[in-house]
Amino acid sequence: MRLRTCLHLLIAAMLTVGCHLAFAQEEGHDHGPGREEIREDHARDRDHFYGDREREEMRGWYAEHHDHLPPGMRDRDHLPPGLERQLVIRATLPAGLRAHVFPCPQDLERRLPPPPPDCAHVLIGGHIVLLNRANFQVVDVLNIQL
């Protein structure tokens, strides 16, 4: 009888210590206080392909080429407000905007990271757009005009 009681106590102690260690380890991995804020920041970063470095590169390119901009970036190529509102990340590029798509210049393309598969950097109405060529989905949009 005594052996049986000791065995039960030993098993209970082992389970208690094991559960405590599991909870302590879990708290250190993404479940501690303040971790939800960090996860939200990462979720926002995943919405954009272009980071701060790429945005600065694009703005530098725009400042250098301000006097001789390519089609898609000139003042006369700007979109009316109704079409510009349709240029939304993760949305399909409407047919009305597809006529305003111009290829990205090679010197700007060299400053940018390579696009993901099936995607291309294009110019649309004063914006640089990362566009999925297979389904016309807008991956990211950046208005770089100063």
N, C-alpha and C. Protein backbone atom coordinates (compact mmCIF):
# COMPACT_ATOMS: atom_id res chain seq x y z
N MET A 1 0.82 -1.18 0.00
CA MET A 1 0.00 0.00 0.00
C MET A 1 0.87 1.26 0.00
N ARG A 2 1.91 1.23 0.81
CA ARG A 2 2.80 2.36 0.89
C ARG A 2 3.53 2.58 -0.43
N LEU A 3 3.94 1.52 -1.08
CA LEU A 3 4.64 1.60 -2.37
C LEU A 3 3.72 2.21 -3.43
N ARG A 4 2.49 1.82 -3.38
CA ARG A 4 1.52 2.33 -4.35
C ARG A 4 1.31 3.84 -4.16
N THR A 5 1.22 4.32 -2.94
CA THR A 5 1.04 5.75 -2.65
C THR A 5 2.26 6.54 -3.10
N CYS A 6 3.44 6.02 -2.83
CA CYS A 6 4.68 6.69 -3.27
C CYS A 6 4.76 6.76 -4.78
N LEU A 7 4.34 5.70 -5.44
CA LEU A 7 4.34 5.68 -6.90
C LEU A 7 3.39 6.75 -7.46
N HIS A 8 2.21 6.87 -6.88
CA HIS A 8 1.24 7.89 -7.32
C HIS A 8 1.79 9.30 -7.10
N LEU A 9 2.43 9.52 -5.96
CA LEU A 9 3.01 10.83 -5.67
C LEU A 9 4.14 11.15 -6.64
N LEU A 10 4.95 10.18 -6.95
CA LEU A 10 6.06 10.37 -7.90
C LEU A 10 5.53 10.72 -9.29
N ILE A 11 4.52 10.03 -9.75
CA ILE A 11 3.92 10.31 -11.06
C ILE A 11 3.30 11.70 -11.07
N ALA A 12 2.61 12.06 -10.01
CA ALA A 12 1.99 13.39 -9.93
C ALA A 12 3.06 14.48 -9.95
N ALA A 13 4.17 14.27 -9.25
CA ALA A 13 5.25 15.25 -9.22
C ALA A 13 5.89 15.40 -10.60
N MET A 14 6.08 14.28 -11.29
CA MET A 14 6.67 14.33 -12.63
C MET A 14 5.76 15.07 -13.60
N LEU A 15 4.47 14.82 -13.52
CA LEU A 15 3.51 15.51 -14.39
C LEU A 15 3.48 17.01 -14.10
N THR A 16 3.54 17.35 -12.83
CA THR A 16 3.52 18.77 -12.44
C THR A 16 4.75 19.49 -12.97
N VAL A 17 5.93 18.90 -12.78
CA VAL A 17 7.17 19.51 -13.26
C VAL A 17 7.16 19.59 -14.79
N GLY A 18 6.72 18.55 -15.47
CA GLY A 18 6.69 18.54 -16.94
C GLY A 18 5.75 19.60 -17.49
N CYS A 19 4.58 19.72 -16.89
CA CYS A 19 3.61 20.74 -17.34
C CYS A 19 4.14 22.13 -17.09
N HIS A 20 4.79 22.33 -15.92
CA HIS A 20 5.34 23.64 -15.60
C HIS A 20 6.42 24.02 -16.61
N LEU A 21 7.29 23.09 -16.97
CA LEU A 21 8.34 23.37 -17.95
C LEU A 21 7.75 23.66 -19.33
N ALA A 22 6.71 22.94 -19.70
CA ALA A 22 6.07 23.17 -21.00
C ALA A 22 5.46 24.56 -21.05
N PHE A 23 4.78 24.98 -19.98
CA PHE A 23 4.18 26.32 -19.96
C PHE A 23 5.25 27.40 -19.94
N ALA A 24 6.32 27.19 -19.21
CA ALA A 24 7.40 28.17 -19.15
C ALA A 24 8.06 28.31 -20.52
N GLN A 25 8.27 27.20 -21.21
CA GLN A 25 8.87 27.26 -22.54
C GLN A 25 7.93 27.95 -23.52
N GLU A 26 6.65 27.66 -23.43
CA GLU A 26 5.67 28.25 -24.33
C GLU A 26 5.59 29.76 -24.13
N GLU A 27 5.72 30.22 -22.88
CA GLU A 27 5.66 31.64 -22.58
C GLU A 27 6.82 32.37 -23.25
N GLY A 28 7.96 31.73 -23.35
CA GLY A 28 9.10 32.36 -23.99
C GLY A 28 9.00 32.42 -25.50
N HIS A 29 8.10 31.65 -26.10
CA HIS A 29 7.96 31.61 -27.55
C HIS A 29 6.65 32.26 -27.96
N ASP A 30 6.69 33.51 -28.35
CA ASP A 30 5.57 34.21 -28.96
C ASP A 30 4.32 34.32 -28.10
N HIS A 31 4.35 33.94 -26.84
CA HIS A 31 3.14 34.04 -26.03
C HIS A 31 3.33 34.95 -24.83
N GLY A 32 4.50 35.54 -24.69
CA GLY A 32 4.74 36.43 -23.56
C GLY A 32 4.06 37.77 -23.76
N PRO A 33 4.07 38.60 -22.73
CA PRO A 33 3.44 39.90 -22.85
C PRO A 33 4.15 40.74 -23.92
N GLY A 34 3.36 41.46 -24.70
CA GLY A 34 3.92 42.33 -25.74
C GLY A 34 4.20 41.63 -27.05
N ARG A 35 4.07 40.34 -27.13
CA ARG A 35 4.39 39.61 -28.35
C ARG A 35 3.33 39.81 -29.42
N GLU A 36 2.08 40.06 -29.01
CA GLU A 36 1.02 40.26 -29.99
C GLU A 36 1.27 41.51 -30.81
N GLU A 37 1.82 42.56 -30.18
CA GLU A 37 2.14 43.78 -30.91
C GLU A 37 3.18 43.51 -31.98
N ILE A 38 4.18 42.70 -31.64
CA ILE A 38 5.23 42.37 -32.60
C ILE A 38 4.64 41.58 -33.76
N ARG A 39 3.75 40.62 -33.46
CA ARG A 39 3.13 39.85 -34.53
C ARG A 39 2.31 40.75 -35.45
N GLU A 40 1.62 41.76 -34.92
CA GLU A 40 0.85 42.67 -35.76
C GLU A 40 1.76 43.46 -36.68
N ASP A 41 2.94 43.90 -36.16
CA ASP A 41 3.88 44.63 -37.01
C ASP A 41 4.37 43.76 -38.15
N HIS A 42 4.67 42.47 -37.87
CA HIS A 42 5.11 41.57 -38.93
C HIS A 42 4.00 41.35 -39.94
N ALA A 43 2.76 41.29 -39.50
CA ALA A 43 1.64 41.11 -40.43
C ALA A 43 1.54 42.31 -41.35
N ARG A 44 1.76 43.51 -40.82
CA ARG A 44 1.71 44.70 -41.67
C ARG A 44 2.86 44.69 -42.67
N ASP A 45 4.05 44.22 -42.25
CA ASP A 45 5.19 44.18 -43.15
C ASP A 45 4.97 43.20 -44.29
N ARG A 46 4.24 42.13 -44.06
CA ARG A 46 3.99 41.15 -45.11
C ARG A 46 3.07 41.70 -46.20
N ASP A 47 2.34 42.77 -45.89
CA ASP A 47 1.46 43.36 -46.89
C ASP A 47 2.24 44.11 -47.95
N HIS A 48 3.49 44.45 -47.67
CA HIS A 48 4.28 45.25 -48.60
C HIS A 48 5.54 44.49 -49.00
N PHE A 49 5.79 44.47 -50.32
CA PHE A 49 7.00 43.87 -50.84
C PHE A 49 8.16 44.85 -50.69
N TYR A 50 7.87 46.13 -50.93
CA TYR A 50 8.91 47.15 -50.88
C TYR A 50 9.16 47.58 -49.45
N GLY A 51 10.42 47.51 -49.03
CA GLY A 51 10.81 47.97 -47.70
C GLY A 51 11.30 49.41 -47.77
N ASP A 52 11.79 49.90 -46.65
CA ASP A 52 12.27 51.27 -46.59
C ASP A 52 13.45 51.50 -47.53
N ARG A 53 14.35 50.52 -47.63
CA ARG A 53 15.51 50.67 -48.50
C ARG A 53 15.08 50.83 -49.96
N GLU A 54 14.14 50.00 -50.40
CA GLU A 54 13.67 50.07 -51.78
C GLU A 54 12.92 51.37 -52.04
N ARG A 55 12.17 51.83 -51.06
CA ARG A 55 11.45 53.09 -51.21
C ARG A 55 12.43 54.25 -51.37
N GLU A 56 13.51 54.24 -50.60
CA GLU A 56 14.52 55.29 -50.73
C GLU A 56 15.22 55.21 -52.08
N GLU A 57 15.52 54.01 -52.55
CA GLU A 57 16.13 53.84 -53.87
C GLU A 57 15.23 54.41 -54.97
N MET A 58 13.93 54.11 -54.87
CA MET A 58 12.98 54.60 -55.87
C MET A 58 12.87 56.12 -55.84
N ARG A 59 12.85 56.67 -54.64
CA ARG A 59 12.77 58.13 -54.53
C ARG A 59 14.03 58.78 -55.07
N GLY A 60 15.19 58.17 -54.80
CA GLY A 60 16.45 58.68 -55.35
C GLY A 60 16.46 58.63 -56.88
N TRP A 61 15.97 57.53 -57.43
CA TRP A 61 15.88 57.42 -58.89
C TRP A 61 14.96 58.49 -59.45
N TYR A 62 13.82 58.72 -58.79
CA TYR A 62 12.88 59.72 -59.27
C TYR A 62 13.51 61.11 -59.24
N ALA A 63 14.23 61.44 -58.18
CA ALA A 63 14.88 62.75 -58.08
C ALA A 63 15.92 62.93 -59.18
N GLU A 64 16.66 61.87 -59.50
CA GLU A 64 17.67 61.94 -60.56
C GLU A 64 17.06 62.10 -61.95
N HIS A 65 15.89 61.53 -62.18
CA HIS A 65 15.27 61.51 -63.51
C HIS A 65 14.07 62.44 -63.62
N HIS A 66 13.92 63.34 -62.67
CA HIS A 66 12.74 64.20 -62.63
C HIS A 66 12.53 64.97 -63.93
N ASP A 67 13.59 65.38 -64.60
CA ASP A 67 13.46 66.19 -65.81
C ASP A 67 13.14 65.38 -67.05
N HIS A 68 13.38 64.09 -67.06
CA HIS A 68 13.11 63.25 -68.24
C HIS A 68 12.53 61.91 -67.78
N LEU A 69 11.30 61.97 -67.30
CA LEU A 69 10.63 60.77 -66.78
C LEU A 69 10.08 59.91 -67.91
N PRO A 70 10.05 58.60 -67.73
CA PRO A 70 9.52 57.69 -68.74
C PRO A 70 7.99 57.69 -68.73
N PRO A 71 7.37 57.12 -69.77
CA PRO A 71 5.90 57.00 -69.77
C PRO A 71 5.43 56.23 -68.53
N GLY A 72 4.37 56.70 -67.96
CA GLY A 72 3.84 56.11 -66.74
C GLY A 72 4.20 56.92 -65.51
N MET A 73 5.21 57.79 -65.63
CA MET A 73 5.61 58.61 -64.50
C MET A 73 5.44 60.11 -64.77
N ARG A 74 5.20 60.48 -66.03
CA ARG A 74 5.08 61.89 -66.37
C ARG A 74 3.77 62.46 -65.82
N ASP A 75 3.71 63.79 -65.72
CA ASP A 75 2.52 64.44 -65.18
C ASP A 75 1.27 64.10 -66.00
N ARG A 76 1.41 64.03 -67.31
CA ARG A 76 0.24 63.75 -68.15
C ARG A 76 -0.24 62.29 -68.03
N ASP A 77 0.58 61.44 -67.41
CA ASP A 77 0.20 60.03 -67.22
C ASP A 77 -0.52 59.78 -65.91
N HIS A 78 -0.66 60.81 -65.08
CA HIS A 78 -1.32 60.61 -63.78
C HIS A 78 -2.75 60.14 -63.98
N LEU A 79 -3.19 59.32 -63.06
CA LEU A 79 -4.54 58.76 -63.13
C LEU A 79 -5.55 59.73 -62.54
N PRO A 80 -6.75 59.76 -63.10
CA PRO A 80 -7.81 60.51 -62.44
C PRO A 80 -8.12 59.86 -61.09
N PRO A 81 -8.65 60.64 -60.13
CA PRO A 81 -8.88 60.09 -58.77
C PRO A 81 -9.72 58.81 -58.76
N GLY A 82 -10.69 58.68 -59.64
CA GLY A 82 -11.52 57.47 -59.66
C GLY A 82 -10.73 56.23 -60.01
N LEU A 83 -9.81 56.34 -60.98
CA LEU A 83 -8.97 55.19 -61.34
C LEU A 83 -7.89 54.94 -60.30
N GLU A 84 -7.37 56.01 -59.72
CA GLU A 84 -6.32 55.84 -58.72
C GLU A 84 -6.83 55.10 -57.49
N ARG A 85 -8.08 55.30 -57.12
CA ARG A 85 -8.66 54.59 -55.98
C ARG A 85 -8.77 53.09 -56.25
N GLN A 86 -8.75 52.69 -57.51
CA GLN A 86 -8.86 51.26 -57.85
C GLN A 86 -7.52 50.54 -57.78
N LEU A 87 -6.45 51.28 -57.57
CA LEU A 87 -5.11 50.70 -57.47
C LEU A 87 -4.88 50.29 -56.02
N VAL A 88 -5.29 49.06 -55.68
CA VAL A 88 -5.31 48.59 -54.29
C VAL A 88 -4.48 47.31 -54.18
N ILE A 89 -3.69 47.23 -53.10
CA ILE A 89 -2.87 46.04 -52.84
C ILE A 89 -3.78 44.84 -52.64
N ARG A 90 -3.40 43.71 -53.22
CA ARG A 90 -4.09 42.42 -53.19
C ARG A 90 -5.39 42.40 -53.98
N ALA A 91 -5.64 43.45 -54.75
CA ALA A 91 -6.83 43.46 -55.61
C ALA A 91 -6.39 43.19 -57.04
N THR A 92 -7.32 42.77 -57.86
CA THR A 92 -7.02 42.56 -59.27
C THR A 92 -7.05 43.91 -59.98
N LEU A 93 -6.08 44.14 -60.83
CA LEU A 93 -6.01 45.39 -61.58
C LEU A 93 -7.19 45.45 -62.55
N PRO A 94 -8.06 46.46 -62.42
CA PRO A 94 -9.22 46.56 -63.31
C PRO A 94 -8.80 46.72 -64.77
N ALA A 95 -9.68 46.30 -65.66
CA ALA A 95 -9.37 46.38 -67.10
C ALA A 95 -9.09 47.82 -67.54
N GLY A 96 -9.76 48.79 -66.93
CA GLY A 96 -9.54 50.19 -67.28
C GLY A 96 -8.14 50.67 -66.96
N LEU A 97 -7.49 50.07 -65.97
CA LEU A 97 -6.13 50.46 -65.61
C LEU A 97 -5.07 49.71 -66.41
N ARG A 98 -5.43 48.60 -66.99
CA ARG A 98 -4.44 47.80 -67.73
C ARG A 98 -3.90 48.54 -68.95
N ALA A 99 -4.65 49.49 -69.47
CA ALA A 99 -4.18 50.28 -70.60
C ALA A 99 -3.13 51.30 -70.17
N HIS A 100 -3.01 51.55 -68.86
CA HIS A 100 -2.08 52.55 -68.35
C HIS A 100 -0.80 51.92 -67.81
N VAL A 101 -0.56 50.65 -68.07
CA VAL A 101 0.62 49.95 -67.56
C VAL A 101 1.80 50.14 -68.51
N PHE A 102 2.94 50.59 -67.95
CA PHE A 102 4.17 50.77 -68.73
C PHE A 102 5.29 49.98 -68.06
N PRO A 103 6.25 49.47 -68.83
CA PRO A 103 7.35 48.71 -68.22
C PRO A 103 8.24 49.62 -67.37
N CYS A 104 8.83 49.04 -66.36
CA CYS A 104 9.75 49.76 -65.48
C CYS A 104 11.08 49.96 -66.22
N PRO A 105 11.67 51.15 -66.17
CA PRO A 105 12.97 51.38 -66.83
C PRO A 105 14.06 50.48 -66.24
N GLN A 106 15.00 50.10 -67.09
CA GLN A 106 16.07 49.17 -66.67
C GLN A 106 16.92 49.73 -65.54
N ASP A 107 17.23 51.03 -65.56
CA ASP A 107 18.08 51.57 -64.49
C ASP A 107 17.36 51.56 -63.14
N LEU A 108 16.05 51.71 -63.14
CA LEU A 108 15.29 51.58 -61.90
C LEU A 108 15.16 50.10 -61.51
N GLU A 109 14.96 49.25 -62.48
CA GLU A 109 14.83 47.80 -62.23
C GLU A 109 16.09 47.26 -61.56
N ARG A 110 17.26 47.77 -61.92
CA ARG A 110 18.51 47.31 -61.32
C ARG A 110 18.63 47.71 -59.85
N ARG A 111 17.96 48.77 -59.45
CA ARG A 111 18.02 49.22 -58.06
C ARG A 111 17.07 48.44 -57.15
N LEU A 112 16.14 47.73 -57.73
CA LEU A 112 15.11 47.02 -56.97
C LEU A 112 15.47 45.55 -56.80
N PRO A 113 14.94 44.93 -55.76
CA PRO A 113 15.17 43.48 -55.63
C PRO A 113 14.41 42.75 -56.74
N PRO A 114 14.87 41.59 -57.13
CA PRO A 114 14.16 40.85 -58.17
C PRO A 114 12.72 40.56 -57.75
N PRO A 115 11.80 40.72 -58.67
CA PRO A 115 10.40 40.46 -58.31
C PRO A 115 10.16 38.97 -58.10
N PRO A 116 9.13 38.62 -57.35
CA PRO A 116 8.78 37.20 -57.17
C PRO A 116 8.40 36.58 -58.52
N PRO A 117 8.32 35.25 -58.59
CA PRO A 117 7.93 34.60 -59.83
C PRO A 117 6.58 35.12 -60.33
N ASP A 118 6.45 35.23 -61.64
CA ASP A 118 5.24 35.71 -62.31
C ASP A 118 4.93 37.17 -62.04
N CYS A 119 5.83 37.92 -61.39
CA CYS A 119 5.58 39.32 -61.10
C CYS A 119 6.55 40.21 -61.86
N ALA A 120 6.17 41.48 -62.00
CA ALA A 120 7.03 42.46 -62.67
C ALA A 120 6.81 43.82 -62.04
N HIS A 121 7.86 44.64 -62.04
CA HIS A 121 7.74 46.03 -61.63
C HIS A 121 7.23 46.79 -62.84
N VAL A 122 6.14 47.54 -62.68
CA VAL A 122 5.57 48.33 -63.77
C VAL A 122 5.25 49.72 -63.26
N LEU A 123 5.03 50.64 -64.19
CA LEU A 123 4.64 52.00 -63.87
C LEU A 123 3.19 52.20 -64.26
N ILE A 124 2.41 52.74 -63.35
CA ILE A 124 1.00 53.02 -63.62
C ILE A 124 0.66 54.37 -63.02
N GLY A 125 0.45 55.36 -63.86
CA GLY A 125 -0.05 56.65 -63.42
C GLY A 125 0.74 57.32 -62.32
N GLY A 126 2.06 57.30 -62.39
CA GLY A 126 2.88 57.92 -61.37
C GLY A 126 3.20 57.03 -60.19
N HIS A 127 2.86 55.76 -60.26
CA HIS A 127 3.13 54.80 -59.20
C HIS A 127 4.01 53.68 -59.75
N ILE A 128 4.85 53.14 -58.87
CA ILE A 128 5.56 51.90 -59.19
C ILE A 128 4.73 50.79 -58.56
N VAL A 129 4.39 49.81 -59.39
CA VAL A 129 3.50 48.74 -58.95
C VAL A 129 4.19 47.40 -59.16
N LEU A 130 4.14 46.55 -58.16
CA LEU A 130 4.58 45.17 -58.32
C LEU A 130 3.33 44.40 -58.71
N LEU A 131 3.30 43.92 -59.94
CA LEU A 131 2.10 43.33 -60.52
C LEU A 131 2.34 41.87 -60.86
N ASN A 132 1.43 41.01 -60.46
CA ASN A 132 1.47 39.61 -60.85
C ASN A 132 0.94 39.53 -62.28
N ARG A 133 1.81 39.17 -63.21
CA ARG A 133 1.43 39.15 -64.63
C ARG A 133 0.46 38.03 -64.97
N ALA A 134 0.43 36.98 -64.18
CA ALA A 134 -0.44 35.84 -64.47
C ALA A 134 -1.90 36.16 -64.22
N ASN A 135 -2.20 36.88 -63.13
CA ASN A 135 -3.60 37.13 -62.79
C ASN A 135 -3.91 38.62 -62.57
N PHE A 136 -2.96 39.50 -62.87
CA PHE A 136 -3.11 40.95 -62.73
C PHE A 136 -3.41 41.38 -61.29
N GLN A 137 -2.91 40.63 -60.32
CA GLN A 137 -3.09 41.02 -58.92
C GLN A 137 -2.00 42.02 -58.55
N VAL A 138 -2.38 43.08 -57.85
CA VAL A 138 -1.45 44.10 -57.38
C VAL A 138 -0.82 43.59 -56.08
N VAL A 139 0.51 43.41 -56.10
CA VAL A 139 1.22 42.91 -54.92
C VAL A 139 1.63 44.07 -54.01
N ASP A 140 2.11 45.18 -54.59
CA ASP A 140 2.46 46.35 -53.81
C ASP A 140 2.40 47.57 -54.71
N VAL A 141 2.17 48.73 -54.11
CA VAL A 141 2.07 50.01 -54.83
C VAL A 141 2.90 51.04 -54.09
N LEU A 142 3.62 51.86 -54.85
CA LEU A 142 4.39 52.94 -54.23
C LEU A 142 4.30 54.17 -55.10
N ASN A 143 3.84 55.26 -54.53
CA ASN A 143 3.84 56.54 -55.22
C ASN A 143 5.12 57.25 -54.80
N ILE A 144 6.06 57.43 -55.73
CA ILE A 144 7.36 57.97 -55.36
C ILE A 144 7.53 59.42 -55.73
N GLN A 145 6.54 60.04 -56.29
CA GLN A 145 6.71 61.42 -56.71
C GLN A 145 6.90 62.32 -55.50
N LEU A 146 7.84 63.24 -55.63
CA LEU A 146 8.18 64.14 -54.52
C LEU A 146 7.26 65.33 -54.48
